[in-house]
């Protein structure tokens, strides 16, 4: 729990937007920064998993929305 609270405090100190969620028996911190989205999961055993989603910088038109449903 200390690691989670320290991490949240650090995000707030740097004015980084985040949202909390519960997934797979863990607390997930979803972080949004320009061009990136991070998912950081804190598990009861003290382990932490980090997954990063980074944009290619390519902006597509509305036709790309069809991919979401296919």
N, C-alpha and C. Protein backbone atom coordinates (compact mmCIF):
# COMPACT_ATOMS: atom_id res chain seq x y z
N UNK A 1 0.82 -1.19 0.00
CA UNK A 1 0.00 0.00 0.00
C UNK A 1 0.87 1.26 0.00
N UNK A 2 2.00 1.20 0.70
CA UNK A 2 2.90 2.36 0.75
C UNK A 2 3.42 2.72 -0.64
N UNK A 3 3.75 1.68 -1.43
CA UNK A 3 4.25 1.94 -2.79
C UNK A 3 3.20 2.64 -3.63
N UNK A 4 1.96 2.22 -3.51
CA UNK A 4 0.86 2.82 -4.27
C UNK A 4 0.68 4.28 -3.86
N UNK A 5 0.63 4.53 -2.57
CA UNK A 5 0.43 5.90 -2.10
C UNK A 5 1.60 6.81 -2.48
N UNK A 6 2.82 6.30 -2.38
CA UNK A 6 3.98 7.09 -2.79
C UNK A 6 3.91 7.42 -4.27
N UNK A 7 3.49 6.45 -5.08
CA UNK A 7 3.38 6.65 -6.53
C UNK A 7 2.32 7.70 -6.84
N UNK A 8 1.16 7.61 -6.20
CA UNK A 8 0.09 8.58 -6.43
C UNK A 8 0.53 9.98 -6.02
N UNK A 9 1.23 10.08 -4.90
CA UNK A 9 1.74 11.39 -4.46
C UNK A 9 2.71 11.97 -5.48
N UNK A 10 3.55 11.12 -6.04
CA UNK A 10 4.52 11.58 -7.04
C UNK A 10 3.81 12.07 -8.30
N UNK A 11 2.77 11.33 -8.74
CA UNK A 11 1.99 11.76 -9.89
C UNK A 11 1.36 13.13 -9.64
N UNK A 12 0.80 13.31 -8.45
CA UNK A 12 0.16 14.58 -8.12
C UNK A 12 1.18 15.72 -8.05
N UNK A 13 2.36 15.44 -7.50
CA UNK A 13 3.41 16.45 -7.43
C UNK A 13 3.81 16.94 -8.83
N UNK A 14 3.77 16.02 -9.80
CA UNK A 14 4.14 16.36 -11.18
C UNK A 14 2.93 16.75 -12.03
N UNK A 15 1.77 16.88 -11.38
CA UNK A 15 0.52 17.26 -12.04
C UNK A 15 0.22 16.37 -13.24
N UNK A 16 0.35 15.05 -13.04
CA UNK A 16 0.06 14.06 -14.07
C UNK A 16 -1.32 13.47 -13.79
N UNK A 17 -2.19 13.52 -14.79
CA UNK A 17 -3.55 13.01 -14.67
C UNK A 17 -3.52 11.49 -14.50
N UNK A 18 -4.34 10.98 -13.59
CA UNK A 18 -4.48 9.53 -13.43
C UNK A 18 -5.90 9.18 -13.00
N UNK A 19 -6.21 7.91 -13.17
CA UNK A 19 -7.51 7.38 -12.75
C UNK A 19 -7.25 6.02 -12.11
N UNK A 20 -8.00 5.69 -11.06
CA UNK A 20 -7.85 4.41 -10.37
C UNK A 20 -8.94 3.44 -10.82
N UNK A 21 -8.55 2.17 -10.87
CA UNK A 21 -9.48 1.11 -11.26
C UNK A 21 -9.06 -0.15 -10.52
N UNK A 22 -9.95 -1.13 -10.42
CA UNK A 22 -9.63 -2.42 -9.84
C UNK A 22 -9.71 -3.47 -10.94
N UNK A 23 -8.65 -4.25 -11.10
CA UNK A 23 -8.61 -5.28 -12.12
C UNK A 23 -7.70 -6.41 -11.64
N UNK A 24 -8.07 -7.64 -11.91
CA UNK A 24 -7.26 -8.82 -11.56
C UNK A 24 -6.78 -8.79 -10.11
N UNK A 25 -7.65 -8.47 -9.18
CA UNK A 25 -7.27 -8.39 -7.77
C UNK A 25 -6.13 -7.41 -7.51
N UNK A 26 -6.03 -6.39 -8.32
CA UNK A 26 -5.01 -5.36 -8.16
C UNK A 26 -5.65 -3.98 -8.31
N UNK A 27 -4.94 -2.98 -7.84
CA UNK A 27 -5.34 -1.60 -8.08
C UNK A 27 -4.56 -1.12 -9.29
N UNK A 28 -5.30 -0.68 -10.31
CA UNK A 28 -4.67 -0.18 -11.53
C UNK A 28 -4.70 1.34 -11.53
N UNK A 29 -3.56 1.92 -11.82
CA UNK A 29 -3.46 3.36 -12.01
C UNK A 29 -3.33 3.58 -13.51
N UNK A 30 -4.33 4.24 -14.08
CA UNK A 30 -4.31 4.55 -15.51
C UNK A 30 -3.82 6.00 -15.66
N UNK A 31 -2.76 6.15 -16.45
CA UNK A 31 -2.10 7.44 -16.57
C UNK A 31 -2.17 7.90 -18.02
N UNK A 32 -2.52 9.16 -18.22
CA UNK A 32 -2.60 9.72 -19.56
C UNK A 32 -1.66 10.91 -19.66
N UNK A 33 -0.69 10.80 -20.56
CA UNK A 33 0.20 11.91 -20.88
C UNK A 33 0.20 12.05 -22.40
N UNK A 34 0.58 13.19 -22.95
CA UNK A 34 0.53 13.35 -24.40
C UNK A 34 1.25 12.22 -25.15
N UNK A 35 0.50 11.55 -26.01
CA UNK A 35 1.06 10.50 -26.84
C UNK A 35 1.24 9.15 -26.16
N UNK A 36 0.88 9.06 -24.89
CA UNK A 36 1.07 7.80 -24.16
C UNK A 36 -0.06 7.57 -23.17
N UNK A 37 -0.30 6.28 -22.93
CA UNK A 37 -1.19 5.86 -21.86
C UNK A 37 -0.49 4.73 -21.14
N UNK A 38 -0.44 4.81 -19.83
CA UNK A 38 0.23 3.79 -19.02
C UNK A 38 -0.79 3.13 -18.10
N UNK A 39 -0.61 1.83 -17.89
CA UNK A 39 -1.39 1.09 -16.90
C UNK A 39 -0.40 0.50 -15.92
N UNK A 40 -0.49 0.93 -14.66
CA UNK A 40 0.41 0.44 -13.62
C UNK A 40 -0.45 -0.28 -12.59
N UNK A 41 -0.19 -1.58 -12.41
CA UNK A 41 -0.98 -2.40 -11.49
C UNK A 41 -0.19 -2.73 -10.24
N UNK A 42 -0.80 -2.49 -9.09
CA UNK A 42 -0.21 -2.78 -7.78
C UNK A 42 -0.95 -3.96 -7.18
N UNK A 43 -0.23 -5.06 -6.92
CA UNK A 43 -0.82 -6.29 -6.42
C UNK A 43 -0.61 -6.42 -4.91
N UNK A 44 -1.49 -7.18 -4.24
CA UNK A 44 -1.40 -7.33 -2.78
C UNK A 44 -0.05 -7.88 -2.30
N UNK A 45 0.63 -8.68 -3.13
CA UNK A 45 1.91 -9.26 -2.73
C UNK A 45 3.08 -8.29 -2.88
N UNK A 46 2.79 -7.04 -3.31
CA UNK A 46 3.82 -6.03 -3.46
C UNK A 46 4.40 -5.92 -4.86
N UNK A 47 4.00 -6.83 -5.76
CA UNK A 47 4.51 -6.75 -7.13
C UNK A 47 3.80 -5.64 -7.90
N UNK A 48 4.50 -5.14 -8.90
CA UNK A 48 3.98 -4.05 -9.73
C UNK A 48 4.21 -4.42 -11.19
N UNK A 49 3.17 -4.23 -12.01
CA UNK A 49 3.29 -4.44 -13.45
C UNK A 49 3.00 -3.14 -14.17
N UNK A 50 3.80 -2.84 -15.20
CA UNK A 50 3.65 -1.61 -15.98
C UNK A 50 3.47 -1.97 -17.44
N UNK A 51 2.40 -1.44 -18.05
CA UNK A 51 2.19 -1.61 -19.49
C UNK A 51 2.03 -0.23 -20.09
N UNK A 52 2.77 0.03 -21.19
CA UNK A 52 2.75 1.34 -21.84
C UNK A 52 2.16 1.22 -23.24
N UNK A 53 1.31 2.17 -23.58
CA UNK A 53 0.73 2.27 -24.91
C UNK A 53 1.19 3.60 -25.49
N UNK A 54 2.00 3.53 -26.55
CA UNK A 54 2.60 4.73 -27.11
C UNK A 54 2.13 4.91 -28.54
N UNK A 55 1.69 6.11 -28.87
CA UNK A 55 1.18 6.41 -30.19
C UNK A 55 2.30 6.45 -31.23
N UNK A 56 1.92 6.17 -32.45
CA UNK A 56 2.88 6.28 -33.56
C UNK A 56 2.95 7.72 -34.07
N UNK A 57 2.01 8.55 -33.62
CA UNK A 57 1.98 9.93 -34.07
C UNK A 57 1.16 10.14 -35.32
N UNK A 58 0.64 9.04 -35.88
CA UNK A 58 -0.18 9.13 -37.09
C UNK A 58 -1.62 9.42 -36.68
N UNK A 59 -2.20 10.46 -37.25
CA UNK A 59 -3.60 10.80 -36.99
C UNK A 59 -4.43 10.33 -38.17
N UNK A 60 -5.45 9.52 -37.87
CA UNK A 60 -6.29 8.96 -38.92
C UNK A 60 -7.65 9.65 -38.95
N UNK A 61 -8.39 9.42 -40.04
CA UNK A 61 -9.72 10.00 -40.15
C UNK A 61 -10.75 9.02 -39.56
N UNK A 62 -12.02 9.37 -39.68
CA UNK A 62 -13.10 8.59 -39.08
C UNK A 62 -13.19 7.16 -39.61
N UNK A 63 -12.64 6.89 -40.76
CA UNK A 63 -12.70 5.53 -41.31
C UNK A 63 -11.95 4.53 -40.41
N UNK A 64 -11.03 5.02 -39.61
CA UNK A 64 -10.30 4.15 -38.69
C UNK A 64 -11.18 3.58 -37.59
N UNK A 65 -12.33 4.20 -37.34
CA UNK A 65 -13.24 3.73 -36.30
C UNK A 65 -13.80 2.34 -36.62
N UNK A 66 -13.88 1.99 -37.89
CA UNK A 66 -14.39 0.67 -38.27
C UNK A 66 -13.52 -0.45 -37.71
N UNK A 67 -12.25 -0.19 -37.53
CA UNK A 67 -11.33 -1.19 -36.99
C UNK A 67 -11.72 -1.56 -35.55
N UNK A 68 -12.26 -0.63 -34.82
CA UNK A 68 -12.68 -0.86 -33.44
C UNK A 68 -13.71 -2.00 -33.36
N UNK A 69 -14.58 -2.09 -34.34
CA UNK A 69 -15.67 -3.05 -34.30
C UNK A 69 -15.41 -4.30 -35.12
N UNK A 70 -14.27 -4.37 -35.80
CA UNK A 70 -13.98 -5.57 -36.60
C UNK A 70 -13.13 -6.57 -35.86
